[in-house]
Amino acid sequence: MIYAEAGTYQYKIEHMLDWSMDAPLYSSLLVMLLVLIFAIIIGIAARRGLKKRTYLERPHGVLFVGEMYYEVCDNFVATRMGETHRKFTGYFMCLFAYLFLAFIWGVTGLPSVIDWLAAPLTLSIIMFVLIQITAIRTNHWHYLHRYIEPFAIFLPINLLTMWTPIISTAMRMFGNALSGTIIIGLVQWALSKVSNAIIPVHTFTSWNDYFNSAPYWSGTFFAPIPMGILNLYFSLFSGFVQTLVFATLSALWIAQEMPAEEGPALSDAPRAVAAQTAE
């Protein structure tokens, strides 16, 4: 009876405050912990470095990595959002670090993060909130006028389309990550079948049968090399591309809400390409 009631909404509401989390959520917390530890280490190294080194002296070690990472993110923001909006550098530093680690987290053998729908959806909601806050700070009360353009009758349609960034970016990240996981799983299953066909695995009834039979790991005999290549592509390469795409779309959508004279110096052609990419 307890198991039958576990799937009902009444059971979920009554136990909504119970301390139980999905496995990907633990992975996400570990990723955030790693980013936090790295930030603390960089901060401590920067404070010590300012006391010991002289002006214009080149940094070394972890401080060099931190400054290089900051410069990359700062140049990214200046190129896509404008020189006057480097205040977003801190946000994109956190975004790049978390999102890339979330994409490659499955390599560790722990539950993946980004193919858990809550993770890309949360990132998309954060991006949406930043877009709306930037639009309100820039346009003030005129911000509401966009929802009745060109006529007031378009208000319901405009209110629906305003959620497009959340849906498109969340589904893009989730779909790409999930497709990679499914492909890797199918290839591993197929290679396991091929391995078992060539090196049969016997059912062991005693330890003597175990030592006199094929190794129990023969099902993965052909898997390591192909699986390693697929993990390199779907985790490292695809993770880097998807992180860059999401960050670029976030920067362009936020920049579109800024005044034209303060936004990035983009010609009409790049803006058209950015609009097509967003679609």
C-alpha atoms as a PDB file:
ATOM      1  CA  MET A   1       0.000   0.000   0.000  1.00  0.00           C
ATOM      2  CA  ILE A   2       2.876   2.348   0.801  1.00  0.00           C
ATOM      3  CA  TYR A   3       4.517   1.764  -2.569  1.00  0.00           C
ATOM      4  CA  ALA A   4       1.186   2.296  -4.352  1.00  0.00           C
ATOM      5  CA  GLU A   5       0.735   5.660  -2.666  1.00  0.00           C
ATOM      6  CA  ALA A   6       4.329   6.768  -3.290  1.00  0.00           C
ATOM      7  CA  GLY A   7       3.530   7.946  -6.817  1.00  0.00           C
ATOM      8  CA  THR A   8       0.473  10.020  -5.909  1.00  0.00           C
ATOM      9  CA  TYR A   9       0.507  13.798  -5.602  1.00  0.00           C
ATOM     10  CA  GLN A  10      -0.836  13.622  -2.055  1.00  0.00           C
ATOM     11  CA  TYR A  11       2.141  11.492  -1.004  1.00  0.00           C
ATOM     12  CA  LYS A  12       4.594  13.867  -2.712  1.00  0.00           C
ATOM     13  CA  ILE A  13       3.034  16.930  -1.042  1.00  0.00           C
ATOM     14  CA  GLU A  14       3.104  15.297   2.396  1.00  0.00           C
ATOM     15  CA  HIS A  15       6.764  14.300   1.963  1.00  0.00           C
ATOM     16  CA  MET A  16       7.956  17.343   0.037  1.00  0.00           C
ATOM     17  CA  LEU A  17      10.238  18.418   2.896  1.00  0.00           C
ATOM     18  CA  ASP A  18      11.863  15.021   3.336  1.00  0.00           C
ATOM     19  CA  TRP A  19      15.640  15.046   2.810  1.00  0.00           C
ATOM     20  CA  SER A  20      15.801  13.003  -0.382  1.00  0.00           C
ATOM     21  CA  MET A  21      17.498  14.150  -3.578  1.00  0.00           C
ATOM     22  CA  ASP A  22      18.093  12.687  -7.008  1.00  0.00           C
ATOM     23  CA  ALA A  23      21.577  11.381  -7.729  1.00  0.00           C
ATOM     24  CA  PRO A  24      22.276  14.052 -10.421  1.00  0.00           C
ATOM     25  CA  LEU A  25      21.573  16.724  -7.818  1.00  0.00           C
ATOM     26  CA  TYR A  26      24.417  15.380  -5.678  1.00  0.00           C
ATOM     27  CA  SER A  27      26.639  15.513  -8.762  1.00  0.00           C
ATOM     28  CA  SER A  28      25.575  19.099  -9.393  1.00  0.00           C
ATOM     29  CA  LEU A  29      26.413  20.039  -5.816  1.00  0.00           C
ATOM     30  CA  LEU A  30      29.833  18.412  -6.208  1.00  0.00           C
ATOM     31  CA  VAL A  31      30.450  20.423  -9.381  1.00  0.00           C
ATOM     32  CA  MET A  32      29.514  23.644  -7.589  1.00  0.00           C
ATOM     33  CA  LEU A  33      31.761  22.652  -4.686  1.00  0.00           C
ATOM     34  CA  LEU A  34      34.704  22.173  -7.060  1.00  0.00           C
ATOM     35  CA  VAL A  35      34.075  25.581  -8.644  1.00  0.00           C
ATOM     36  CA  LEU A  36      33.858  27.146  -5.175  1.00  0.00           C
ATOM     37  CA  ILE A  37      37.093  25.488  -4.024  1.00  0.00           C
ATOM     38  CA  PHE A  38      38.893  26.638  -7.167  1.00  0.00           C
ATOM     39  CA  ALA A  39      37.617  30.197  -6.659  1.00  0.00           C
ATOM     40  CA  ILE A  40      38.771  30.202  -3.012  1.00  0.00           C
ATOM     41  CA  ILE A  41      42.213  28.912  -3.998  1.00  0.00           C
ATOM     42  CA  ILE A  42      42.535  31.586  -6.679  1.00  0.00           C
ATOM     43  CA  GLY A  43      41.424  34.269  -4.229  1.00  0.00           C
ATOM     44  CA  ILE A  44      43.956  33.210  -1.591  1.00  0.00           C
ATOM     45  CA  ALA A  45      46.720  32.989  -4.210  1.00  0.00           C
ATOM     46  CA  ALA A  46      45.825  36.437  -5.547  1.00  0.00           C
ATOM     47  CA  ARG A  47      45.936  38.004  -2.081  1.00  0.00           C
ATOM     48  CA  ARG A  48      49.311  36.450  -1.319  1.00  0.00           C
ATOM     49  CA  GLY A  49      50.614  37.319  -4.768  1.00  0.00           C
ATOM     50  CA  LEU A  50      49.728  40.997  -4.360  1.00  0.00           C
ATOM     51  CA  LYS A  51      51.743  41.110  -1.145  1.00  0.00           C
ATOM     52  CA  LYS A  52      54.833  39.342  -2.472  1.00  0.00           C
ATOM     53  CA  ARG A  53      55.250  40.323  -6.119  1.00  0.00           C
ATOM     54  CA  THR A  54      55.971  43.711  -7.543  1.00  0.00           C
ATOM     55  CA  TYR A  55      53.878  45.617 -10.051  1.00  0.00           C
ATOM     56  CA  LEU A  56      53.771  44.076 -13.564  1.00  0.00           C
ATOM     57  CA  GLU A  57      55.531  40.916 -12.389  1.00  0.00           C
ATOM     58  CA  ARG A  58      54.217  37.868 -14.212  1.00  0.00           C
ATOM     59  CA  PRO A  59      52.067  35.527 -12.067  1.00  0.00           C
ATOM     60  CA  HIS A  60      52.959  31.872 -11.641  1.00  0.00           C
ATOM     61  CA  GLY A  61      51.181  28.620 -10.883  1.00  0.00           C
ATOM     62  CA  VAL A  62      47.500  28.615 -10.023  1.00  0.00           C
ATOM     63  CA  LEU A  63      47.368  32.414 -10.048  1.00  0.00           C
ATOM     64  CA  PHE A  64      48.472  32.398 -13.683  1.00  0.00           C
ATOM     65  CA  VAL A  65      45.647  29.985 -14.536  1.00  0.00           C
ATOM     66  CA  GLY A  66      43.134  32.168 -12.726  1.00  0.00           C
ATOM     67  CA  GLU A  67      44.237  35.377 -14.420  1.00  0.00           C
ATOM     68  CA  MET A  68      44.273  33.717 -17.824  1.00  0.00           C
ATOM     69  CA  TYR A  69      40.757  32.378 -17.250  1.00  0.00           C
ATOM     70  CA  TYR A  70      39.590  35.833 -16.178  1.00  0.00           C
ATOM     71  CA  GLU A  71      41.060  37.452 -19.280  1.00  0.00           C
ATOM     72  CA  VAL A  72      39.362  34.917 -21.561  1.00  0.00           C
ATOM     73  CA  CYS A  73      35.962  35.511 -19.943  1.00  0.00           C
ATOM     74  CA  ASP A  74      36.475  39.280 -19.862  1.00  0.00           C
ATOM     75  CA  ASN A  75      37.351  39.374 -23.559  1.00  0.00           C
ATOM     76  CA  PHE A  76      34.323  37.198 -24.282  1.00  0.00           C
ATOM     77  CA  VAL A  77      32.021  39.680 -22.547  1.00  0.00           C
ATOM     78  CA  ALA A  78      33.668  42.736 -24.135  1.00  0.00           C
ATOM     79  CA  THR A  79      33.400  41.230 -27.627  1.00  0.00           C
ATOM     80  CA  ARG A  80      29.768  40.153 -27.436  1.00  0.00           C
ATOM     81  CA  MET A  81      28.221  42.624 -25.015  1.00  0.00           C
ATOM     82  CA  GLY A  82      30.327  45.759 -25.258  1.00  0.00           C
ATOM     83  CA  GLU A  83      33.221  47.348 -23.426  1.00  0.00           C
ATOM     84  CA  THR A  84      30.966  49.092 -20.923  1.00  0.00           C
ATOM     85  CA  HIS A  85      29.360  45.907 -19.646  1.00  0.00           C
ATOM     86  CA  ARG A  86      32.287  44.004 -18.202  1.00  0.00           C
ATOM     87  CA  LYS A  87      30.287  43.680 -14.981  1.00  0.00           C
ATOM     88  CA  PHE A  88      28.893  40.449 -16.460  1.00  0.00           C
ATOM     89  CA  THR A  89      32.373  38.886 -16.469  1.00  0.00           C
ATOM     90  CA  GLY A  90      31.864  37.290 -13.056  1.00  0.00           C
ATOM     91  CA  TYR A  91      28.613  35.668 -14.170  1.00  0.00           C
ATOM     92  CA  PHE A  92      30.182  34.173 -17.281  1.00  0.00           C
ATOM     93  CA  MET A  93      33.184  32.956 -15.301  1.00  0.00           C
ATOM     94  CA  CYS A  94      30.835  30.929 -13.104  1.00  0.00           C
ATOM     95  CA  LEU A  95      28.748  29.845 -16.095  1.00  0.00           C
ATOM     96  CA  PHE A  96      31.678  28.559 -18.149  1.00  0.00           C
ATOM     97  CA  ALA A  97      33.190  26.662 -15.222  1.00  0.00           C
ATOM     98  CA  TYR A  98      29.960  25.049 -14.011  1.00  0.00           C
ATOM     99  CA  LEU A  99      28.487  24.210 -17.410  1.00  0.00           C
ATOM    100  CA  PHE A 100      31.652  22.659 -18.840  1.00  0.00           C
ATOM    101  CA  LEU A 101      32.223  20.551 -15.722  1.00  0.00           C
ATOM    102  CA  ALA A 102      28.553  19.513 -15.790  1.00  0.00           C
ATOM    103  CA  PHE A 103      28.910  18.299 -19.378  1.00  0.00           C
ATOM    104  CA  ILE A 104      32.038  16.226 -18.708  1.00  0.00           C
ATOM    105  CA  TRP A 105      30.997  15.008 -15.253  1.00  0.00           C
ATOM    106  CA  GLY A 106      29.816  11.672 -16.622  1.00  0.00           C
ATOM    107  CA  VAL A 107      33.454  10.771 -17.376  1.00  0.00           C
ATOM    108  CA  THR A 108      34.026  10.382 -13.632  1.00  0.00           C
ATOM    109  CA  GLY A 109      31.531   7.512 -13.515  1.00  0.00           C
ATOM    110  CA  LEU A 110      29.173   9.467 -11.269  1.00  0.00           C
ATOM    111  CA  PRO A 111      25.624  10.371 -12.389  1.00  0.00           C
ATOM    112  CA  SER A 112      25.636  12.920 -15.195  1.00  0.00           C
ATOM    113  CA  VAL A 113      24.390  16.430 -14.506  1.00  0.00           C
ATOM    114  CA  ILE A 114      23.404  18.098 -17.750  1.00  0.00           C
ATOM    115  CA  ASP A 115      21.194  15.270 -19.063  1.00  0.00           C
ATOM    116  CA  TRP A 116      19.104  15.762 -15.915  1.00  0.00           C
ATOM    117  CA  LEU A 117      16.421  18.191 -17.125  1.00  0.00           C
ATOM    118  CA  ALA A 118      16.432  20.282 -13.945  1.00  0.00           C
ATOM    119  CA  ALA A 119      20.028  21.432 -14.565  1.00  0.00           C
ATOM    120  CA  PRO A 120      19.663  22.969 -18.082  1.00  0.00           C
ATOM    121  CA  LEU A 121      16.226  24.278 -17.163  1.00  0.00           C
ATOM    122  CA  THR A 122      17.616  26.103 -14.118  1.00  0.00           C
ATOM    123  CA  LEU A 123      20.442  27.637 -16.167  1.00  0.00           C
ATOM    124  CA  SER A 124      17.939  28.787 -18.794  1.00  0.00           C
ATOM    125  CA  ILE A 125      15.711  30.356 -16.145  1.00  0.00           C
ATOM    126  CA  ILE A 126      18.699  32.245 -14.708  1.00  0.00           C
ATOM    127  CA  MET A 127      19.533  33.503 -18.199  1.00  0.00           C
ATOM    128  CA  PHE A 128      15.888  34.542 -18.739  1.00  0.00           C
ATOM    129  CA  VAL A 129      15.818  36.464 -15.452  1.00  0.00           C
ATOM    130  CA  LEU A 130      19.010  38.333 -16.416  1.00  0.00           C
ATOM    131  CA  ILE A 131      17.489  39.234 -19.791  1.00  0.00           C
ATOM    132  CA  GLN A 132      14.321  40.599 -18.208  1.00  0.00           C
ATOM    133  CA  ILE A 133      16.189  42.506 -15.476  1.00  0.00           C
ATOM    134  CA  THR A 134      18.456  44.101 -18.088  1.00  0.00           C
ATOM    135  CA  ALA A 135      15.439  45.027 -20.214  1.00  0.00           C
ATOM    136  CA  ILE A 136      13.624  46.606 -17.247  1.00  0.00           C
ATOM    137  CA  ARG A 137      16.698  48.575 -16.126  1.00  0.00           C
ATOM    138  CA  THR A 138      17.225  49.837 -19.668  1.00  0.00           C
ATOM    139  CA  ASN A 139      13.665  50.584 -20.789  1.00  0.00           C
ATOM    140  CA  HIS A 140      11.921  51.150 -17.437  1.00  0.00           C
ATOM    141  CA  TRP A 141       8.138  51.344 -17.903  1.00  0.00           C
ATOM    142  CA  HIS A 142       8.513  51.237 -21.666  1.00  0.00           C
ATOM    143  CA  TYR A 143       9.527  47.593 -21.165  1.00  0.00           C
ATOM    144  CA  LEU A 144       5.838  46.613 -20.942  1.00  0.00           C
ATOM    145  CA  HIS A 145       5.081  48.265 -24.284  1.00  0.00           C
ATOM    146  CA  ARG A 146       6.799  45.466 -26.211  1.00  0.00           C
ATOM    147  CA  TYR A 147       4.024  43.049 -25.310  1.00  0.00           C
ATOM    148  CA  ILE A 148       1.321  45.088 -27.085  1.00  0.00           C
ATOM    149  CA  GLU A 149       3.282  45.700 -30.283  1.00  0.00           C
ATOM    150  CA  PRO A 150       2.269  46.114 -33.049  1.00  0.00           C
ATOM    151  CA  PHE A 151      -1.284  45.937 -31.666  1.00  0.00           C
ATOM    152  CA  ALA A 152      -2.724  45.229 -28.234  1.00  0.00           C
ATOM    153  CA  ILE A 153      -4.419  42.115 -29.579  1.00  0.00           C
ATOM    154  CA  PHE A 154      -0.981  40.482 -29.831  1.00  0.00           C
ATOM    155  CA  LEU A 155      -0.557  40.532 -26.034  1.00  0.00           C
ATOM    156  CA  PRO A 156      -1.323  36.794 -25.492  1.00  0.00           C
ATOM    157  CA  ILE A 157       1.028  35.768 -28.317  1.00  0.00           C
ATOM    158  CA  ASN A 158       3.826  38.019 -27.069  1.00  0.00           C
ATOM    159  CA  LEU A 159       3.434  36.704 -23.527  1.00  0.00           C
ATOM    160  CA  LEU A 160       3.845  33.166 -24.854  1.00  0.00           C
ATOM    161  CA  THR A 161       6.852  33.932 -27.050  1.00  0.00           C
ATOM    162  CA  MET A 162       8.713  35.640 -24.213  1.00  0.00           C
ATOM    163  CA  TRP A 163       9.439  32.180 -22.772  1.00  0.00           C
ATOM    164  CA  THR A 164      11.182  31.040 -25.973  1.00  0.00           C
ATOM    165  CA  PRO A 165      14.755  31.492 -24.625  1.00  0.00           C
ATOM    166  CA  ILE A 166      14.028  29.161 -21.701  1.00  0.00           C
ATOM    167  CA  ILE A 167      12.488  26.417 -23.813  1.00  0.00           C
ATOM    168  CA  SER A 168      14.954  26.569 -26.718  1.00  0.00           C
ATOM    169  CA  THR A 169      18.172  26.658 -24.688  1.00  0.00           C
ATOM    170  CA  ALA A 170      17.038  24.106 -22.080  1.00  0.00           C
ATOM    171  CA  MET A 171      15.834  21.634 -24.717  1.00  0.00           C
ATOM    172  CA  ARG A 172      18.978  22.141 -26.802  1.00  0.00           C
ATOM    173  CA  MET A 173      21.339  21.354 -23.934  1.00  0.00           C
ATOM    174  CA  PHE A 174      19.196  18.543 -22.563  1.00  0.00           C
ATOM    175  CA  GLY A 175      18.707  16.956 -25.992  1.00  0.00           C
ATOM    176  CA  ASN A 176      22.384  17.076 -26.920  1.00  0.00           C
ATOM    177  CA  ALA A 177      23.503  15.651 -23.591  1.00  0.00           C
ATOM    178  CA  LEU A 178      20.827  12.967 -23.523  1.00  0.00           C
ATOM    179  CA  SER A 179      21.488  11.916 -27.117  1.00  0.00           C
ATOM    180  CA  GLY A 180      25.179  11.460 -26.317  1.00  0.00           C
ATOM    181  CA  THR A 181      24.331   9.353 -23.266  1.00  0.00           C
ATOM    182  CA  ILE A 182      21.942   7.184 -25.284  1.00  0.00           C
ATOM    183  CA  ILE A 183      24.452   6.675 -28.108  1.00  0.00           C
ATOM    184  CA  ILE A 184      27.187   5.706 -25.649  1.00  0.00           C
ATOM    185  CA  GLY A 185      24.817   3.292 -23.914  1.00  0.00           C
ATOM    186  CA  LEU A 186      23.743   1.660 -27.195  1.00  0.00           C
ATOM    187  CA  VAL A 187      27.327   1.272 -28.418  1.00  0.00           C
ATOM    188  CA  GLN A 188      28.374  -0.221 -25.081  1.00  0.00           C
ATOM    189  CA  TRP A 189      25.455  -2.669 -25.225  1.00  0.00           C
ATOM    190  CA  ALA A 190      26.299  -3.680 -28.801  1.00  0.00           C
ATOM    191  CA  LEU A 191      29.993  -4.153 -28.043  1.00  0.00           C
ATOM    192  CA  SER A 192      29.096  -6.195 -24.974  1.00  0.00           C
ATOM    193  CA  LYS A 193      26.989  -8.514 -27.124  1.00  0.00           C
ATOM    194  CA  VAL A 194      29.817  -8.872 -29.648  1.00  0.00           C
ATOM    195  CA  SER A 195      32.311  -9.585 -26.876  1.00  0.00           C
ATOM    196  CA  ASN A 196      30.043 -12.222 -25.317  1.00  0.00           C
ATOM    197  CA  ALA A 197      29.585 -13.869 -28.703  1.00  0.00           C
ATOM    198  CA  ILE A 198      33.339 -14.160 -29.247  1.00  0.00           C
ATOM    199  CA  ILE A 199      34.312 -14.876 -25.627  1.00  0.00           C
ATOM    200  CA  PRO A 200      31.251 -16.531 -24.084  1.00  0.00           C
ATOM    201  CA  VAL A 201      30.467 -15.827 -20.450  1.00  0.00           C
ATOM    202  CA  HIS A 202      29.348 -18.866 -18.467  1.00  0.00           C
ATOM    203  CA  THR A 203      27.057 -18.985 -15.510  1.00  0.00           C
ATOM    204  CA  PHE A 204      29.191 -19.802 -12.499  1.00  0.00           C
ATOM    205  CA  THR A 205      27.861 -22.326 -10.036  1.00  0.00           C
ATOM    206  CA  SER A 206      31.093 -22.579  -8.041  1.00  0.00           C
ATOM    207  CA  TRP A 207      34.487 -20.931  -7.670  1.00  0.00           C
ATOM    208  CA  ASN A 208      35.997 -23.798  -9.618  1.00  0.00           C
ATOM    209  CA  ASP A 209      33.781 -22.950 -12.605  1.00  0.00           C
ATOM    210  CA  TYR A 210      34.817 -19.317 -12.274  1.00  0.00           C
ATOM    211  CA  PHE A 211      38.543 -20.001 -12.489  1.00  0.00           C
ATOM    212  CA  ASN A 212      38.157 -22.518 -15.330  1.00  0.00           C
ATOM    213  CA  SER A 213      35.874 -20.324 -17.467  1.00  0.00           C
ATOM    214  CA  ALA A 214      36.192 -17.133 -19.450  1.00  0.00           C
ATOM    215  CA  PRO A 215      36.756 -13.971 -17.408  1.00  0.00           C
ATOM    216  CA  TYR A 216      33.605 -12.290 -16.136  1.00  0.00           C
ATOM    217  CA  TRP A 217      34.687  -9.056 -17.817  1.00  0.00           C
ATOM    218  CA  SER A 218      34.657 -10.563 -21.319  1.00  0.00           C
ATOM    219  CA  GLY A 219      31.432  -8.668 -22.014  1.00  0.00           C
ATOM    220  CA  THR A 220      33.436  -5.455 -22.188  1.00  0.00           C
ATOM    221  CA  PHE A 221      36.422  -6.845 -24.067  1.00  0.00           C
ATOM    222  CA  PHE A 222      35.880  -4.635 -27.137  1.00  0.00           C
ATOM    223  CA  ALA A 223      34.418  -1.641 -25.298  1.00  0.00           C
ATOM    224  CA  PRO A 224      37.339   0.374 -23.808  1.00  0.00           C
ATOM    225  CA  ILE A 225      38.791   1.995 -26.945  1.00  0.00           C
ATOM    226  CA  PRO A 226      35.502   2.852 -28.746  1.00  0.00           C
ATOM    227  CA  MET A 227      33.920   4.008 -25.495  1.00  0.00           C
ATOM    228  CA  GLY A 228      36.938   6.174 -24.721  1.00  0.00           C
ATOM    229  CA  ILE A 229      36.707   7.846 -28.135  1.00  0.00           C
ATOM    230  CA  LEU A 230      32.970   8.439 -27.775  1.00  0.00           C
ATOM    231  CA  ASN A 231      33.439   9.885 -24.299  1.00  0.00           C
ATOM    232  CA  LEU A 232      36.113  12.239 -25.602  1.00  0.00           C
ATOM    233  CA  TYR A 233      33.733  13.499 -28.269  1.00  0.00           C
ATOM    234  CA  PHE A 234      30.426  13.657 -26.400  1.00  0.00           C
ATOM    235  CA  SER A 235      31.931  14.793 -23.101  1.00  0.00           C
ATOM    236  CA  LEU A 236      34.913  17.013 -23.918  1.00  0.00           C
ATOM    237  CA  PHE A 237      34.373  18.311 -27.449  1.00  0.00           C
ATOM    238  CA  SER A 238      30.579  18.432 -27.406  1.00  0.00           C
ATOM    239  CA  GLY A 239      30.618  19.821 -23.860  1.00  0.00           C
ATOM    240  CA  PHE A 240      32.935  22.653 -24.897  1.00  0.00           C
ATOM    241  CA  VAL A 241      30.806  23.479 -27.971  1.00  0.00           C
ATOM    242  CA  GLN A 242      27.515  23.441 -26.050  1.00  0.00           C
ATOM    243  CA  THR A 243      28.990  25.589 -23.281  1.00  0.00           C
ATOM    244  CA  LEU A 244      30.210  28.128 -25.821  1.00  0.00           C
ATOM    245  CA  VAL A 245      26.856  28.137 -27.670  1.00  0.00           C
ATOM    246  CA  PHE A 246      24.811  28.663 -24.497  1.00  0.00           C
ATOM    247  CA  ALA A 247      27.119  31.398 -23.224  1.00  0.00           C
ATOM    248  CA  THR A 248      27.118  33.139 -26.613  1.00  0.00           C
ATOM    249  CA  LEU A 249      23.322  33.077 -26.883  1.00  0.00           C
ATOM    250  CA  SER A 250      23.029  34.381 -23.327  1.00  0.00           C
ATOM    251  CA  ALA A 251      25.419  37.243 -24.055  1.00  0.00           C
ATOM    252  CA  LEU A 252      23.666  38.185 -27.324  1.00  0.00           C
ATOM    253  CA  TRP A 253      20.168  38.082 -25.825  1.00  0.00           C
ATOM    254  CA  ILE A 254      21.231  40.195 -22.858  1.00  0.00           C
ATOM    255  CA  ALA A 255      23.095  42.616 -25.146  1.00  0.00           C
ATOM    256  CA  GLN A 256      19.980  43.087 -27.284  1.00  0.00           C
ATOM    257  CA  GLU A 257      18.240  44.651 -24.282  1.00  0.00           C
ATOM    258  CA  MET A 258      20.949  47.297 -23.902  1.00  0.00           C
ATOM    259  CA  PRO A 259      21.011  50.697 -25.615  1.00  0.00           C
ATOM    260  CA  ALA A 260      22.442  50.571 -29.126  1.00  0.00           C
ATOM    261  CA  GLU A 261      25.353  52.883 -28.302  1.00  0.00           C
ATOM    262  CA  GLU A 262      26.382  50.673 -25.383  1.00  0.00           C
ATOM    263  CA  GLY A 263      25.913  47.302 -27.034  1.00  0.00           C
ATOM    264  CA  PRO A 264      28.533  45.369 -28.956  1.00  0.00           C
ATOM    265  CA  ALA A 265      29.641  46.755 -32.266  1.00  0.00           C
ATOM    266  CA  LEU A 266      27.899  44.139 -34.402  1.00  0.00           C
ATOM    267  CA  SER A 267      26.989  44.642 -38.015  1.00  0.00           C
ATOM    268  CA  ASP A 268      23.626  43.580 -39.433  1.00  0.00           C
ATOM    269  CA  ALA A 269      25.041  40.342 -40.813  1.00  0.00           C
ATOM    270  CA  PRO A 270      26.320  38.970 -37.476  1.00  0.00           C
ATOM    271  CA  ARG A 271      23.044  39.956 -35.823  1.00  0.00           C
ATOM    272  CA  ALA A 272      21.142  37.993 -38.468  1.00  0.00           C
ATOM    273  CA  VAL A 273      23.376  34.988 -37.918  1.00  0.00           C
ATOM    274  CA  ALA A 274      22.867  35.260 -34.159  1.00  0.00           C
ATOM    275  CA  ALA A 275      19.095  35.399 -34.641  1.00  0.00           C
ATOM    276  CA  GLN A 276      19.163  32.312 -36.862  1.00  0.00           C
ATOM    277  CA  THR A 277      21.301  30.476 -34.305  1.00  0.00           C
ATOM    278  CA  ALA A 278      18.855  31.328 -31.538  1.00  0.00           C
ATOM    279  CA  GLU A 279      15.993  29.879 -33.569  1.00  0.00           C
END
